[in-house]
Amino acid sequence: MTNTNFEQVAGTIKSRRSVSWAKMNGQKIPDQTINDLLELAHWAPTHGRTEPWFFYVYGGEALTRFGKEHAELYWNHTDEDKRQEATYHKLEHNVAKASHVIIAAMKRGTNPKIPVIEEIAAASAAVQNLLLGAEALGISVLWSTGGMTLHPAMKGHLGLGEEDTVLGMLFLGHTDEPAREGVRNSAISEKVKWL
């Protein structure tokens, strides 16, 4: 017996692909659609209902400003002998073809009984909800940890606390590239032990 809901969800999961910001075409996504995706993220599983996810959304002029801020973070927090102007310019302009950039973070809850790993897992599940919603709408996304994303300077820039964690930058947009076929390096049977 087939289950249409399962087939739709499975199809969305299996067709989801990362799309580089360089392959996005600059087409804008309505802010309401971004908000709808964030609402899906908000329905992730969460132990003790701590809901530890937090999202910083950049679009329009704020997106351009963030590109400059990201490049400045790189320049100001990289040893002089390791700085590269090409990297500075890449970080400044890699937002240009995206419609929005969302920085996903885990903001640690106040319940000390909940382990940090569970808070990170919940916030990551929220990101996955957003990714699957975007796939269902034909929106391209890249979940990136490049540049200064995981550097303490980014946490400081965002005003996050010591126990909080930046999970990545989500570049959202559209692409003219054809969808790539999915590849797994091994079968699920190699990663499961039935007992």
Protein backbone atom coordinates (compact mmCIF):
# COMPACT_ATOMS: atom_id res chain seq x y z
CA MET A 1 0.00 0.00 0.00
CA THR A 2 1.43 3.41 -0.95
CA ASN A 3 1.32 6.44 1.28
CA THR A 4 1.27 9.69 -0.69
CA ASN A 5 2.48 11.81 2.26
CA PHE A 6 5.49 9.55 2.78
CA GLU A 7 6.30 9.58 -0.93
CA GLN A 8 6.15 13.39 -1.06
CA VAL A 9 8.37 13.80 2.00
CA ALA A 10 10.80 11.13 0.76
CA GLY A 11 10.97 12.79 -2.66
CA THR A 12 11.75 16.18 -1.11
CA ILE A 13 14.45 14.71 1.14
CA LYS A 14 16.09 12.73 -1.66
CA SER A 15 16.05 15.60 -4.17
CA ARG A 16 17.49 18.25 -1.84
CA ARG A 17 20.90 19.49 -2.99
CA SER A 18 23.25 22.25 -1.93
CA VAL A 19 23.69 24.98 -4.53
CA SER A 20 26.77 27.19 -4.36
CA TRP A 21 26.20 30.91 -3.91
CA ALA A 22 28.24 31.36 -7.10
CA LYS A 23 25.56 29.46 -9.07
CA MET A 24 22.68 31.58 -7.80
CA ASN A 25 21.18 34.06 -10.25
CA GLY A 26 20.19 37.04 -8.08
CA GLN A 27 16.44 36.42 -8.33
CA LYS A 28 14.74 37.65 -5.15
CA ILE A 29 12.58 35.59 -2.81
CA PRO A 30 9.66 37.39 -1.12
CA ASP A 31 10.30 38.08 2.57
CA GLN A 32 7.02 36.31 3.37
CA THR A 33 8.36 33.11 1.82
CA ILE A 34 11.49 33.40 3.98
CA ASN A 35 9.23 33.87 6.99
CA ASP A 36 7.23 30.76 6.01
CA LEU A 37 10.47 28.75 5.90
CA LEU A 38 11.46 30.07 9.32
CA GLU A 39 8.07 28.98 10.63
CA LEU A 40 8.86 25.43 9.46
CA ALA A 41 12.19 25.65 11.27
CA HIS A 42 10.33 26.61 14.42
CA TRP A 43 8.60 23.18 14.43
CA ALA A 44 11.79 21.19 14.96
CA PRO A 45 11.95 18.67 17.83
CA THR A 46 13.28 20.17 21.04
CA HIS A 47 13.94 18.53 24.42
CA GLY A 48 12.14 20.36 27.19
CA ARG A 49 10.77 22.80 24.60
CA THR A 50 13.88 24.95 24.95
CA GLU A 51 13.59 25.90 21.25
CA PRO A 52 17.29 26.87 21.08
CA TRP A 53 17.36 27.95 17.43
CA PHE A 54 17.88 31.57 16.42
CA PHE A 55 18.12 33.07 12.95
CA TYR A 56 19.69 36.32 11.73
CA VAL A 57 18.10 37.20 8.38
CA TYR A 58 19.85 39.48 5.88
CA GLY A 59 18.17 40.72 2.71
CA GLY A 60 18.30 43.83 0.55
CA GLU A 61 20.67 46.54 1.82
CA ALA A 62 21.32 44.58 5.02
CA LEU A 63 22.68 41.72 2.90
CA THR A 64 25.13 44.02 1.12
CA ARG A 65 26.15 45.50 4.47
CA PHE A 66 26.70 42.03 5.91
CA GLY A 67 29.02 41.10 3.04
CA LYS A 68 31.19 44.09 3.94
CA GLU A 69 31.02 43.27 7.67
CA HIS A 70 31.99 39.64 7.02
CA ALA A 71 34.99 40.75 4.96
CA GLU A 72 36.03 43.20 7.70
CA LEU A 73 35.78 40.46 10.34
CA TYR A 74 38.11 38.35 8.22
CA TRP A 75 40.58 41.18 7.74
CA ASN A 76 40.60 42.29 11.37
CA HIS A 77 40.88 38.78 12.85
CA THR A 78 43.39 37.19 10.49
CA ASP A 79 47.14 37.44 11.02
CA GLU A 80 48.65 40.01 8.68
CA ASP A 81 50.90 37.45 7.00
CA LYS A 82 47.90 35.21 6.25
CA ARG A 83 45.45 37.83 4.97
CA GLN A 84 44.57 37.72 1.30
CA GLU A 85 42.81 40.48 -0.57
CA ALA A 86 41.14 37.88 -2.81
CA THR A 87 39.50 36.28 0.25
CA TYR A 88 38.40 39.70 1.50
CA HIS A 89 36.71 40.47 -1.83
CA LYS A 90 35.15 37.00 -2.04
CA LEU A 91 33.54 37.39 1.40
CA GLU A 92 32.40 40.91 0.58
CA HIS A 93 30.75 39.90 -2.69
CA ASN A 94 29.66 36.26 -2.26
CA VAL A 95 26.27 37.52 -1.05
CA ALA A 96 25.55 39.37 -4.31
CA LYS A 97 23.78 36.53 -6.14
CA ALA A 98 21.81 35.33 -3.10
CA SER A 99 18.38 36.67 -2.26
CA HIS A 100 18.89 36.30 1.49
CA VAL A 101 21.52 35.01 3.88
CA ILE A 102 20.38 33.53 7.16
CA ILE A 103 22.86 32.85 9.94
CA ALA A 104 21.60 29.92 12.00
CA ALA A 105 22.63 29.72 15.63
CA MET A 106 21.99 27.68 18.72
CA LYS A 107 21.22 29.91 21.68
CA ARG A 108 21.77 27.83 24.80
CA GLY A 109 18.66 27.44 26.94
CA THR A 110 18.55 28.06 30.66
CA ASN A 111 17.84 24.46 31.68
CA PRO A 112 21.23 23.02 32.73
CA LYS A 113 19.80 19.47 32.66
CA ILE A 114 19.62 19.62 28.86
CA PRO A 115 23.03 18.73 27.36
CA VAL A 116 24.56 21.14 24.85
CA ILE A 117 24.59 18.38 22.20
CA GLU A 118 20.79 18.19 22.40
CA GLU A 119 20.49 21.93 21.91
CA ILE A 120 22.79 21.77 18.87
CA ALA A 121 20.82 18.80 17.52
CA ALA A 122 17.52 20.66 17.93
CA ALA A 123 18.84 23.79 16.20
CA SER A 124 20.29 21.65 13.40
CA ALA A 125 16.92 19.93 12.99
CA ALA A 126 15.39 23.40 12.64
CA VAL A 127 17.85 24.15 9.83
CA GLN A 128 16.93 20.85 8.12
CA ASN A 129 13.23 21.78 8.29
CA LEU A 130 14.08 25.05 6.54
CA LEU A 131 16.18 23.26 3.90
CA LEU A 132 13.40 20.80 3.11
CA GLY A 133 10.82 23.56 2.90
CA ALA A 134 13.07 25.45 0.50
CA GLU A 135 13.50 22.34 -1.64
CA ALA A 136 9.74 21.87 -1.81
CA LEU A 137 9.42 25.47 -3.07
CA GLY A 138 12.23 25.18 -5.62
CA ILE A 139 14.51 27.50 -3.66
CA SER A 140 18.25 26.88 -3.77
CA VAL A 141 20.18 26.83 -0.50
CA LEU A 142 23.80 26.46 0.54
CA TRP A 143 24.50 25.68 4.21
CA SER A 144 28.02 27.06 4.57
CA THR A 145 30.54 27.21 7.39
CA GLY A 146 33.08 29.09 5.29
CA GLY A 147 34.76 32.39 5.93
CA MET A 148 34.46 33.57 9.52
CA THR A 149 31.28 31.59 10.24
CA LEU A 150 32.78 29.45 13.01
CA HIS A 151 35.28 32.02 14.27
CA PRO A 152 34.69 33.52 17.74
CA ALA A 153 34.63 36.95 16.09
CA MET A 154 31.36 36.03 14.34
CA LYS A 155 29.80 35.07 17.67
CA GLY A 156 30.87 38.43 19.03
CA HIS A 157 29.57 40.25 15.96
CA LEU A 158 26.16 38.64 16.46
CA GLY A 159 26.13 39.26 20.21
CA LEU A 160 25.94 35.56 21.05
CA GLY A 161 26.86 34.21 24.47
CA GLU A 162 29.76 31.97 25.37
CA GLU A 163 27.66 28.78 25.30
CA ASP A 164 25.91 29.70 22.05
CA THR A 165 27.05 28.27 18.71
CA VAL A 166 26.90 29.52 15.13
CA LEU A 167 25.76 26.57 13.00
CA GLY A 168 26.29 28.12 9.60
CA MET A 169 25.23 30.61 6.97
CA LEU A 170 22.35 29.69 4.72
CA PHE A 171 22.58 31.32 1.29
CA LEU A 172 19.08 31.29 -0.25
CA GLY A 173 18.26 32.11 -3.85
CA HIS A 174 17.47 30.64 -7.23
CA THR A 175 19.66 29.02 -9.85
CA ASP A 176 19.48 28.42 -13.58
CA GLU A 177 21.60 25.27 -13.19
CA PRO A 178 19.89 21.90 -13.67
CA ALA A 179 19.38 19.83 -10.53
CA ARG A 180 22.23 17.44 -9.81
CA GLU A 181 21.67 13.75 -9.23
CA GLY A 182 22.13 12.62 -5.64
CA VAL A 183 25.07 10.47 -4.61
CA ARG A 184 25.72 8.52 -1.40
CA ASN A 185 29.18 7.09 -0.76
CA SER A 186 27.83 3.82 0.63
CA ALA A 187 24.59 1.96 1.17
CA ILE A 188 22.53 2.52 4.32
CA SER A 189 23.02 -1.18 5.10
CA GLU A 190 26.69 -0.39 5.82
CA LYS A 191 25.64 2.12 8.49
CA VAL A 192 22.98 0.08 10.30
CA LYS A 193 23.27 -2.84 12.64
CA TRP A 194 20.01 -4.67 13.33
CA LEU A 195 19.97 -6.29 16.76
